[in-house]
Amino acid sequence: MSSVLYESPGPRAKVRNRILNVVVLVVLAGAIAWLIHRMYVNGQFESRLWRQFQYTAIQNQLLHGLVNTLKAAGLAAVFALLFGAVFAAARISDHAWLRTPATLIVELFRAIPLLILMFFFYYGNIQFQLGLGPFWAVVFGLTLYNGSVLAEIFRAGIAAVPKGQREAAYAIGLRKNQVVRLVLLPQAISSMLPAIVSQLVVLLKDTALGFIITYEELLYVGRQMGGRLTYGFPYIPTYIVIAVIYIGLCSLLSLLARYLEGRSRRRRKVTGAPPPMTEAPDAASGLDPGAKI
């Protein structure tokens, strides 16, 4: 079985791919084992470095950083999705006075590094006394950058729908907003979902940049915990714990995306129902149903 761009591998290619997969797994396992060995040799598994995690106060401190991370990521994700939807709609508008400014704004915020956006809101707040704390500097920075990327994802996903779908919708008299809302968007959402989730995962991880502007998220808390002389400056153990937390959060988000994608596919699955029956001929007319006219 093959497609236009990909030909299914034959028996030899399958064997070769299995061997390459095994080699890659062995190399990866060896690299991990070497890294663990070097950490052991350098004393990174000593009980003194890990002792602080058994205390309730330390666990509460980690929980506080986790809550702040989720709070900033959740609010920024909602704002970024709204930003992306609005500016994607503006970018596909037929009106140049709406399409051109939207394109400039999206391209502008996609080109500016996220950290600079956070600096802009953080130090702008300090200079002009706007009343915005580090939390809002992180949220606004994440919203503008990731919202611009999502706007391009939405626009590209809608544009990827076959042109015939759009033409057929116009042919039956639908207006453009109806075409986008009822025809294009439902078909594009399945193809856009992996890219949307990937961008939301990036958004979640980018909250770690908030530690530079003193926002008390996970990385900020971890840096404080790793700098304690009492426990021998446990930077590496602390960052391992924080990395595991981030991996868990991103994995949960990916599982949610797979569930939504599978549900969307099941909803669009063809049921295989028989075609509708044609109207039975009038018995009084004396016409034979199989007769040719």
C-alpha atoms as a PDB file:
ATOM      1  CA  MET A   1       0.000   0.000   0.000  1.00  0.00           C
ATOM      2  CA  SER A   2       1.430   3.377  -0.979  1.00  0.00           C
ATOM      3  CA  SER A   3       0.515   6.988  -1.419  1.00  0.00           C
ATOM      4  CA  VAL A   4       1.668   9.734  -3.738  1.00  0.00           C
ATOM      5  CA  LEU A   5       4.493  10.836  -1.436  1.00  0.00           C
ATOM      6  CA  TYR A   6       5.275   7.638   0.455  1.00  0.00           C
ATOM      7  CA  GLU A   7       5.753   4.031  -0.593  1.00  0.00           C
ATOM      8  CA  SER A   8       5.260   1.330   2.008  1.00  0.00           C
ATOM      9  CA  PRO A   9       8.534  -0.474   2.857  1.00  0.00           C
ATOM     10  CA  GLY A  10       9.114  -3.986   1.676  1.00  0.00           C
ATOM     11  CA  PRO A  11      10.362  -6.953   3.768  1.00  0.00           C
ATOM     12  CA  ARG A  12      14.035  -5.916   3.601  1.00  0.00           C
ATOM     13  CA  ALA A  13      13.246  -2.308   4.447  1.00  0.00           C
ATOM     14  CA  LYS A  14      11.156  -3.413   7.436  1.00  0.00           C
ATOM     15  CA  VAL A  15      14.019  -5.531   8.772  1.00  0.00           C
ATOM     16  CA  ARG A  16      16.461  -2.660   8.225  1.00  0.00           C
ATOM     17  CA  ASN A  17      14.149  -0.233  10.036  1.00  0.00           C
ATOM     18  CA  ARG A  18      13.820  -2.605  13.002  1.00  0.00           C
ATOM     19  CA  ILE A  19      17.600  -2.947  13.243  1.00  0.00           C
ATOM     20  CA  LEU A  20      18.041   0.843  13.111  1.00  0.00           C
ATOM     21  CA  ASN A  21      15.384   1.299  15.799  1.00  0.00           C
ATOM     22  CA  VAL A  22      17.162  -1.184  18.068  1.00  0.00           C
ATOM     23  CA  VAL A  23      20.514   0.541  17.483  1.00  0.00           C
ATOM     24  CA  VAL A  24      19.038   3.960  18.316  1.00  0.00           C
ATOM     25  CA  LEU A  25      17.418   2.607  21.486  1.00  0.00           C
ATOM     26  CA  VAL A  26      20.692   0.976  22.579  1.00  0.00           C
ATOM     27  CA  VAL A  27      22.649   4.201  21.977  1.00  0.00           C
ATOM     28  CA  LEU A  28      20.025   6.233  23.853  1.00  0.00           C
ATOM     29  CA  ALA A  29      20.006   3.785  26.773  1.00  0.00           C
ATOM     30  CA  GLY A  30      23.801   3.890  26.864  1.00  0.00           C
ATOM     31  CA  ALA A  31      23.824   7.698  26.949  1.00  0.00           C
ATOM     32  CA  ILE A  32      21.308   7.726  29.810  1.00  0.00           C
ATOM     33  CA  ALA A  33      23.295   5.101  31.720  1.00  0.00           C
ATOM     34  CA  TRP A  34      26.521   7.111  31.261  1.00  0.00           C
ATOM     35  CA  LEU A  35      24.797  10.263  32.497  1.00  0.00           C
ATOM     36  CA  ILE A  36      23.427   8.480  35.570  1.00  0.00           C
ATOM     37  CA  HIS A  37      26.863   7.010  36.251  1.00  0.00           C
ATOM     38  CA  ARG A  38      28.530  10.435  36.073  1.00  0.00           C
ATOM     39  CA  MET A  39      25.925  11.848  38.437  1.00  0.00           C
ATOM     40  CA  TYR A  40      26.564   8.978  40.849  1.00  0.00           C
ATOM     41  CA  VAL A  41      30.343   9.449  40.684  1.00  0.00           C
ATOM     42  CA  ASN A  42      29.935  13.165  41.423  1.00  0.00           C
ATOM     43  CA  GLY A  43      27.713  12.492  44.437  1.00  0.00           C
ATOM     44  CA  GLN A  44      24.439  13.800  43.025  1.00  0.00           C
ATOM     45  CA  PHE A  45      22.527  10.894  44.585  1.00  0.00           C
ATOM     46  CA  GLU A  46      23.693  11.511  48.137  1.00  0.00           C
ATOM     47  CA  SER A  47      20.833  11.547  50.610  1.00  0.00           C
ATOM     48  CA  ARG A  48      21.779  15.017  51.852  1.00  0.00           C
ATOM     49  CA  LEU A  49      20.980  16.556  48.455  1.00  0.00           C
ATOM     50  CA  TRP A  50      17.529  14.939  48.298  1.00  0.00           C
ATOM     51  CA  ARG A  51      16.588  15.224  51.968  1.00  0.00           C
ATOM     52  CA  GLN A  52      14.750  18.536  51.678  1.00  0.00           C
ATOM     53  CA  PHE A  53      11.996  17.076  49.494  1.00  0.00           C
ATOM     54  CA  GLN A  54      10.627  15.042  52.390  1.00  0.00           C
ATOM     55  CA  TYR A  55       9.630  18.159  54.342  1.00  0.00           C
ATOM     56  CA  THR A  56       6.102  19.528  54.093  1.00  0.00           C
ATOM     57  CA  ALA A  57       7.312  23.124  53.819  1.00  0.00           C
ATOM     58  CA  ILE A  58       9.396  22.281  50.738  1.00  0.00           C
ATOM     59  CA  GLN A  59       6.516  20.371  49.174  1.00  0.00           C
ATOM     60  CA  ASN A  60       4.211  23.324  49.756  1.00  0.00           C
ATOM     61  CA  GLN A  61       6.781  25.604  48.164  1.00  0.00           C
ATOM     62  CA  LEU A  62       6.869  23.385  45.072  1.00  0.00           C
ATOM     63  CA  LEU A  63       3.074  23.317  45.029  1.00  0.00           C
ATOM     64  CA  HIS A  64       2.997  27.107  45.204  1.00  0.00           C
ATOM     65  CA  GLY A  65       5.310  27.334  42.181  1.00  0.00           C
ATOM     66  CA  LEU A  66       3.233  24.761  40.301  1.00  0.00           C
ATOM     67  CA  VAL A  67       0.000  26.657  40.966  1.00  0.00           C
ATOM     68  CA  ASN A  68       1.580  29.909  39.760  1.00  0.00           C
ATOM     69  CA  THR A  69       2.846  28.168  36.610  1.00  0.00           C
ATOM     70  CA  LEU A  70      -0.581  26.692  35.837  1.00  0.00           C
ATOM     71  CA  LYS A  71      -2.299  29.985  36.593  1.00  0.00           C
ATOM     72  CA  ALA A  72      -0.126  31.953  34.166  1.00  0.00           C
ATOM     73  CA  ALA A  73      -0.206  29.221  31.495  1.00  0.00           C
ATOM     74  CA  GLY A  74      -3.975  28.711  31.727  1.00  0.00           C
ATOM     75  CA  LEU A  75      -4.877  32.387  31.494  1.00  0.00           C
ATOM     76  CA  ALA A  76      -2.335  33.023  28.730  1.00  0.00           C
ATOM     77  CA  ALA A  77      -3.638  30.009  26.776  1.00  0.00           C
ATOM     78  CA  VAL A  78      -7.205  31.343  26.855  1.00  0.00           C
ATOM     79  CA  PHE A  79      -6.096  34.820  25.790  1.00  0.00           C
ATOM     80  CA  ALA A  80      -3.781  33.429  23.097  1.00  0.00           C
ATOM     81  CA  LEU A  81      -6.541  31.273  21.587  1.00  0.00           C
ATOM     82  CA  LEU A  82      -8.892  34.263  21.492  1.00  0.00           C
ATOM     83  CA  PHE A  83      -6.152  36.473  20.033  1.00  0.00           C
ATOM     84  CA  GLY A  84      -5.358  33.851  17.413  1.00  0.00           C
ATOM     85  CA  ALA A  85      -8.999  33.338  16.421  1.00  0.00           C
ATOM     86  CA  VAL A  86      -9.683  37.068  16.069  1.00  0.00           C
ATOM     87  CA  PHE A  87      -6.565  37.861  14.052  1.00  0.00           C
ATOM     88  CA  ALA A  88      -6.896  34.741  11.892  1.00  0.00           C
ATOM     89  CA  ALA A  89     -10.417  35.866  10.977  1.00  0.00           C
ATOM     90  CA  ALA A  90      -9.070  39.332  10.205  1.00  0.00           C
ATOM     91  CA  ARG A  91      -6.269  37.914   8.050  1.00  0.00           C
ATOM     92  CA  ILE A  92      -8.685  36.013   5.793  1.00  0.00           C
ATOM     93  CA  SER A  93     -11.033  38.987   5.498  1.00  0.00           C
ATOM     94  CA  ASP A  94     -11.902  40.391   2.076  1.00  0.00           C
ATOM     95  CA  HIS A  95     -11.390  43.949   3.389  1.00  0.00           C
ATOM     96  CA  ALA A  96      -7.825  45.215   3.004  1.00  0.00           C
ATOM     97  CA  TRP A  97      -8.279  47.813   5.765  1.00  0.00           C
ATOM     98  CA  LEU A  98      -8.817  44.898   8.188  1.00  0.00           C
ATOM     99  CA  ARG A  99      -6.490  42.304   6.639  1.00  0.00           C
ATOM    100  CA  THR A 100      -3.370  44.488   6.336  1.00  0.00           C
ATOM    101  CA  PRO A 101      -3.151  45.722   9.968  1.00  0.00           C
ATOM    102  CA  ALA A 102      -3.874  42.197  11.252  1.00  0.00           C
ATOM    103  CA  THR A 103      -1.057  40.790   9.115  1.00  0.00           C
ATOM    104  CA  LEU A 104       1.387  43.428  10.361  1.00  0.00           C
ATOM    105  CA  ILE A 105       0.486  42.811  14.008  1.00  0.00           C
ATOM    106  CA  VAL A 106       0.810  39.034  13.696  1.00  0.00           C
ATOM    107  CA  GLU A 107       4.152  39.227  11.906  1.00  0.00           C
ATOM    108  CA  LEU A 108       5.429  41.818  14.389  1.00  0.00           C
ATOM    109  CA  PHE A 109       4.757  39.804  17.546  1.00  0.00           C
ATOM    110  CA  ARG A 110       5.947  36.572  15.919  1.00  0.00           C
ATOM    111  CA  ALA A 111       9.298  38.249  15.209  1.00  0.00           C
ATOM    112  CA  ILE A 112       9.870  39.664  18.706  1.00  0.00           C
ATOM    113  CA  PRO A 113      11.476  37.234  21.199  1.00  0.00           C
ATOM    114  CA  LEU A 114       9.167  36.309  24.039  1.00  0.00           C
ATOM    115  CA  LEU A 115      11.591  37.441  26.732  1.00  0.00           C
ATOM    116  CA  ILE A 116      11.711  40.946  25.242  1.00  0.00           C
ATOM    117  CA  LEU A 117       7.909  41.126  25.425  1.00  0.00           C
ATOM    118  CA  MET A 118       8.037  40.160  29.091  1.00  0.00           C
ATOM    119  CA  PHE A 119      10.731  42.766  29.715  1.00  0.00           C
ATOM    120  CA  PHE A 120       8.624  45.364  27.921  1.00  0.00           C
ATOM    121  CA  PHE A 121       5.625  44.843  30.200  1.00  0.00           C
ATOM    122  CA  TYR A 122       7.674  44.339  33.372  1.00  0.00           C
ATOM    123  CA  TYR A 123       9.966  47.363  33.077  1.00  0.00           C
ATOM    124  CA  GLY A 124       7.278  49.451  31.399  1.00  0.00           C
ATOM    125  CA  ASN A 125       5.148  48.842  34.472  1.00  0.00           C
ATOM    126  CA  ILE A 126       7.986  49.933  36.743  1.00  0.00           C
ATOM    127  CA  GLN A 127       8.698  53.095  34.749  1.00  0.00           C
ATOM    128  CA  PHE A 128       5.121  54.221  34.123  1.00  0.00           C
ATOM    129  CA  GLN A 129       3.584  52.716  37.306  1.00  0.00           C
ATOM    130  CA  LEU A 130       0.828  50.856  35.486  1.00  0.00           C
ATOM    131  CA  GLY A 131      -0.005  48.627  38.436  1.00  0.00           C
ATOM    132  CA  LEU A 132       0.947  45.403  36.635  1.00  0.00           C
ATOM    133  CA  GLY A 133       2.930  42.813  38.533  1.00  0.00           C
ATOM    134  CA  PRO A 134       5.270  40.117  37.165  1.00  0.00           C
ATOM    135  CA  PHE A 135       2.255  37.821  36.721  1.00  0.00           C
ATOM    136  CA  TRP A 136       0.632  40.076  34.123  1.00  0.00           C
ATOM    137  CA  ALA A 137       3.960  40.703  32.400  1.00  0.00           C
ATOM    138  CA  VAL A 138       4.298  36.940  31.896  1.00  0.00           C
ATOM    139  CA  VAL A 139       0.659  36.529  30.780  1.00  0.00           C
ATOM    140  CA  PHE A 140       0.705  39.419  28.300  1.00  0.00           C
ATOM    141  CA  GLY A 141       4.044  38.345  26.832  1.00  0.00           C
ATOM    142  CA  LEU A 142       2.862  34.768  26.374  1.00  0.00           C
ATOM    143  CA  THR A 143      -0.446  35.953  24.917  1.00  0.00           C
ATOM    144  CA  LEU A 144       1.046  38.197  22.239  1.00  0.00           C
ATOM    145  CA  TYR A 145       3.742  35.801  21.098  1.00  0.00           C
ATOM    146  CA  ASN A 146       1.780  32.533  21.169  1.00  0.00           C
ATOM    147  CA  GLY A 147      -1.429  34.225  19.997  1.00  0.00           C
ATOM    148  CA  SER A 148       0.374  35.409  16.872  1.00  0.00           C
ATOM    149  CA  VAL A 149       1.656  31.906  16.173  1.00  0.00           C
ATOM    150  CA  LEU A 150      -1.824  30.447  16.750  1.00  0.00           C
ATOM    151  CA  ALA A 151      -3.318  33.011  14.381  1.00  0.00           C
ATOM    152  CA  GLU A 152      -1.036  31.731  11.639  1.00  0.00           C
ATOM    153  CA  ILE A 153      -1.927  28.118  12.518  1.00  0.00           C
ATOM    154  CA  PHE A 154      -5.649  28.914  12.271  1.00  0.00           C
ATOM    155  CA  ARG A 155      -5.225  30.758   8.976  1.00  0.00           C
ATOM    156  CA  ALA A 156      -3.097  28.012   7.433  1.00  0.00           C
ATOM    157  CA  GLY A 157      -5.483  25.299   8.627  1.00  0.00           C
ATOM    158  CA  ILE A 158      -8.485  26.982   7.049  1.00  0.00           C
ATOM    159  CA  ALA A 159      -6.573  27.640   3.830  1.00  0.00           C
ATOM    160  CA  ALA A 160      -5.583  23.955   3.649  1.00  0.00           C
ATOM    161  CA  VAL A 161      -9.188  22.808   3.210  1.00  0.00           C
ATOM    162  CA  PRO A 162      -9.733  21.806  -0.458  1.00  0.00           C
ATOM    163  CA  LYS A 163     -10.897  24.698  -2.604  1.00  0.00           C
ATOM    164  CA  GLY A 164     -13.896  22.745  -3.833  1.00  0.00           C
ATOM    165  CA  GLN A 165     -15.454  22.787  -0.365  1.00  0.00           C
ATOM    166  CA  ARG A 166     -15.415  26.572  -0.359  1.00  0.00           C
ATOM    167  CA  GLU A 167     -16.791  26.830  -3.879  1.00  0.00           C
ATOM    168  CA  ALA A 168     -19.584  24.350  -3.153  1.00  0.00           C
ATOM    169  CA  ALA A 169     -20.595  26.309  -0.061  1.00  0.00           C
ATOM    170  CA  TYR A 170     -20.742  29.560  -2.032  1.00  0.00           C
ATOM    171  CA  ALA A 171     -22.735  27.797  -4.750  1.00  0.00           C
ATOM    172  CA  ILE A 172     -25.571  26.999  -2.342  1.00  0.00           C
ATOM    173  CA  GLY A 173     -25.780  30.631  -1.245  1.00  0.00           C
ATOM    174  CA  LEU A 174     -23.823  30.726   2.024  1.00  0.00           C
ATOM    175  CA  ARG A 175     -22.139  33.956   3.080  1.00  0.00           C
ATOM    176  CA  LYS A 176     -18.422  34.011   3.828  1.00  0.00           C
ATOM    177  CA  ASN A 177     -18.800  33.917   7.611  1.00  0.00           C
ATOM    178  CA  GLN A 178     -21.136  30.931   7.233  1.00  0.00           C
ATOM    179  CA  VAL A 179     -18.691  29.212   4.889  1.00  0.00           C
ATOM    180  CA  VAL A 180     -15.857  29.605   7.402  1.00  0.00           C
ATOM    181  CA  ARG A 181     -17.936  28.714  10.462  1.00  0.00           C
ATOM    182  CA  LEU A 182     -20.011  25.846   9.065  1.00  0.00           C
ATOM    183  CA  VAL A 183     -17.842  24.332   6.320  1.00  0.00           C
ATOM    184  CA  LEU A 184     -14.148  25.209   6.577  1.00  0.00           C
ATOM    185  CA  LEU A 185     -13.544  25.358  10.318  1.00  0.00           C
ATOM    186  CA  PRO A 186     -15.067  21.951  11.221  1.00  0.00           C
ATOM    187  CA  GLN A 187     -12.878  20.295   8.589  1.00  0.00           C
ATOM    188  CA  ALA A 188      -9.749  22.240   9.518  1.00  0.00           C
ATOM    189  CA  ILE A 189      -9.937  21.704  13.274  1.00  0.00           C
ATOM    190  CA  SER A 190      -8.729  18.091  13.082  1.00  0.00           C
ATOM    191  CA  SER A 191      -5.635  19.002  11.075  1.00  0.00           C
ATOM    192  CA  MET A 192      -4.946  22.048  13.253  1.00  0.00           C
ATOM    193  CA  LEU A 193      -5.317  20.268  16.603  1.00  0.00           C
ATOM    194  CA  PRO A 194      -1.785  18.746  16.802  1.00  0.00           C
ATOM    195  CA  ALA A 195      -0.184  22.094  15.960  1.00  0.00           C
ATOM    196  CA  ILE A 196      -2.416  23.929  18.454  1.00  0.00           C
ATOM    197  CA  VAL A 197      -1.536  21.513  21.249  1.00  0.00           C
ATOM    198  CA  SER A 198       2.165  21.711  20.394  1.00  0.00           C
ATOM    199  CA  GLN A 199       2.000  25.489  20.684  1.00  0.00           C
ATOM    200  CA  LEU A 200       0.162  25.249  24.018  1.00  0.00           C
ATOM    201  CA  VAL A 201       2.898  22.915  25.283  1.00  0.00           C
ATOM    202  CA  VAL A 202       5.455  25.535  24.224  1.00  0.00           C
ATOM    203  CA  LEU A 203       3.404  28.166  26.052  1.00  0.00           C
ATOM    204  CA  LEU A 204       3.398  26.061  29.221  1.00  0.00           C
ATOM    205  CA  LYS A 205       7.171  25.590  29.136  1.00  0.00           C
ATOM    206  CA  ASP A 206       7.788  29.253  28.327  1.00  0.00           C
ATOM    207  CA  THR A 207       6.300  30.265  31.664  1.00  0.00           C
ATOM    208  CA  ALA A 208       9.737  29.295  33.025  1.00  0.00           C
ATOM    209  CA  LEU A 209      11.074  32.555  31.550  1.00  0.00           C
ATOM    210  CA  GLY A 210       9.084  34.338  34.242  1.00  0.00           C
ATOM    211  CA  PHE A 211      11.810  33.591  36.811  1.00  0.00           C
ATOM    212  CA  ILE A 212      13.955  36.270  35.128  1.00  0.00           C
ATOM    213  CA  ILE A 213      11.392  38.950  36.054  1.00  0.00           C
ATOM    214  CA  THR A 214      10.917  37.484  39.579  1.00  0.00           C
ATOM    215  CA  TYR A 215       7.627  35.712  38.914  1.00  0.00           C
ATOM    216  CA  GLU A 216       7.404  32.897  41.467  1.00  0.00           C
ATOM    217  CA  GLU A 217       6.785  29.980  39.130  1.00  0.00           C
ATOM    218  CA  LEU A 218       8.397  26.518  39.272  1.00  0.00           C
ATOM    219  CA  LEU A 219      11.845  27.467  38.006  1.00  0.00           C
ATOM    220  CA  TYR A 220      12.031  30.502  40.319  1.00  0.00           C
ATOM    221  CA  VAL A 221      11.151  28.286  43.292  1.00  0.00           C
ATOM    222  CA  GLY A 222      13.658  25.676  42.132  1.00  0.00           C
ATOM    223  CA  ARG A 223      16.473  28.190  41.966  1.00  0.00           C
ATOM    224  CA  GLN A 224      15.771  29.216  45.566  1.00  0.00           C
ATOM    225  CA  MET A 225      15.655  25.587  46.708  1.00  0.00           C
ATOM    226  CA  GLY A 226      18.858  24.675  44.875  1.00  0.00           C
ATOM    227  CA  GLY A 227      20.831  27.498  46.472  1.00  0.00           C
ATOM    228  CA  ARG A 228      20.532  26.247  50.057  1.00  0.00           C
ATOM    229  CA  LEU A 229      23.892  25.576  51.672  1.00  0.00           C
ATOM    230  CA  THR A 230      22.291  23.409  54.360  1.00  0.00           C
ATOM    231  CA  TYR A 231      21.584  20.712  51.777  1.00  0.00           C
ATOM    232  CA  GLY A 232      24.824  21.137  49.818  1.00  0.00           C
ATOM    233  CA  PHE A 233      23.492  23.371  47.002  1.00  0.00           C
ATOM    234  CA  PRO A 234      21.213  20.684  45.459  1.00  0.00           C
ATOM    235  CA  TYR A 235      20.732  22.399  42.089  1.00  0.00           C
ATOM    236  CA  ILE A 236      20.778  19.260  39.947  1.00  0.00           C
ATOM    237  CA  PRO A 237      18.376  17.216  42.147  1.00  0.00           C
ATOM    238  CA  THR A 238      16.002  20.180  42.318  1.00  0.00           C
ATOM    239  CA  TYR A 239      16.034  20.752  38.584  1.00  0.00           C
ATOM    240  CA  ILE A 240      15.472  17.017  37.998  1.00  0.00           C
ATOM    241  CA  VAL A 241      12.333  17.178  40.157  1.00  0.00           C
ATOM    242  CA  ILE A 242      11.109  20.273  38.309  1.00  0.00           C
ATOM    243  CA  ALA A 243      11.846  18.670  34.925  1.00  0.00           C
ATOM    244  CA  VAL A 244       9.773  15.628  35.930  1.00  0.00           C
ATOM    245  CA  ILE A 245       6.878  17.941  36.861  1.00  0.00           C
ATOM    246  CA  TYR A 246       7.059  19.708  33.481  1.00  0.00           C
ATOM    247  CA  ILE A 247       7.204  16.361  31.654  1.00  0.00           C
ATOM    248  CA  GLY A 248       4.102  15.215  33.523  1.00  0.00           C
ATOM    249  CA  LEU A 249       2.185  18.395  32.687  1.00  0.00           C
ATOM    250  CA  CYS A 250       3.103  18.264  28.994  1.00  0.00           C
ATOM    251  CA  SER A 251       2.233  14.564  28.820  1.00  0.00           C
ATOM    252  CA  LEU A 252      -1.204  15.208  30.294  1.00  0.00           C
ATOM    253  CA  LEU A 253      -1.778  17.960  27.752  1.00  0.00           C
ATOM    254  CA  SER A 254      -0.735  15.651  24.921  1.00  0.00           C
ATOM    255  CA  LEU A 255      -3.078  12.909  26.178  1.00  0.00           C
ATOM    256  CA  LEU A 256      -5.926  15.402  26.260  1.00  0.00           C
ATOM    257  CA  ALA A 257      -5.145  16.400  22.672  1.00  0.00           C
ATOM    258  CA  ARG A 258      -5.168  12.769  21.530  1.00  0.00           C
ATOM    259  CA  TYR A 259      -8.514  12.218  23.230  1.00  0.00           C
ATOM    260  CA  LEU A 260     -10.033  15.276  21.559  1.00  0.00           C
ATOM    261  CA  GLU A 261      -8.581  14.322  18.178  1.00  0.00           C
ATOM    262  CA  GLY A 262      -9.946  10.783  18.448  1.00  0.00           C
ATOM    263  CA  ARG A 263     -13.345  12.067  19.496  1.00  0.00           C
ATOM    264  CA  SER A 264     -13.386  14.472  16.553  1.00  0.00           C
ATOM    265  CA  ARG A 265     -12.515  11.667  14.146  1.00  0.00           C
ATOM    266  CA  ARG A 266     -15.209   9.397  15.557  1.00  0.00           C
ATOM    267  CA  ARG A 267     -17.745  12.164  15.190  1.00  0.00           C
ATOM    268  CA  ARG A 268     -16.852  12.602  11.510  1.00  0.00           C
ATOM    269  CA  LYS A 269     -16.678   8.883  10.791  1.00  0.00           C
ATOM    270  CA  VAL A 270     -18.903   7.658   7.972  1.00  0.00           C
ATOM    271  CA  THR A 271     -21.620   5.428   9.356  1.00  0.00           C
ATOM    272  CA  GLY A 272     -22.129   3.465   6.151  1.00  0.00           C
ATOM    273  CA  ALA A 273     -25.910   3.947   6.072  1.00  0.00           C
ATOM    274  CA  PRO A 274     -27.710   2.766   2.916  1.00  0.00           C
ATOM    275  CA  PRO A 275     -28.576   5.382   0.303  1.00  0.00           C
ATOM    276  CA  PRO A 276     -32.017   6.948   0.556  1.00  0.00           C
ATOM    277  CA  MET A 277     -34.866   5.104  -1.211  1.00  0.00           C
ATOM    278  CA  THR A 278     -36.234   6.657  -4.356  1.00  0.00           C
ATOM    279  CA  GLU A 279     -39.911   7.401  -4.508  1.00  0.00           C
ATOM    280  CA  ALA A 280     -41.950   4.349  -5.502  1.00  0.00           C
ATOM    281  CA  PRO A 281     -43.705   4.588  -8.863  1.00  0.00           C
ATOM    282  CA  ASP A 282     -47.375   5.322  -8.880  1.00  0.00           C
ATOM    283  CA  ALA A 283     -49.291   2.046  -9.168  1.00  0.00           C
ATOM    284  CA  ALA A 284     -52.097   3.792 -11.009  1.00  0.00           C
ATOM    285  CA  SER A 285     -49.738   4.960 -13.714  1.00  0.00           C
ATOM    286  CA  GLY A 286     -49.065   1.417 -14.821  1.00  0.00           C
ATOM    287  CA  LEU A 287     -45.327   2.040 -15.158  1.00  0.00           C
ATOM    288  CA  ASP A 288     -42.942  -0.829 -14.578  1.00  0.00           C
ATOM    289  CA  PRO A 289     -40.224   0.163 -12.043  1.00  0.00           C
ATOM    290  CA  GLY A 290     -37.595  -1.565 -14.167  1.00  0.00           C
ATOM    291  CA  ALA A 291     -38.818  -0.236 -17.469  1.00  0.00           C
ATOM    292  CA  LYS A 292     -36.580   2.117 -19.425  1.00  0.00           C
ATOM    293  CA  ILE A 293     -38.009   5.412 -20.600  1.00  0.00           C
END
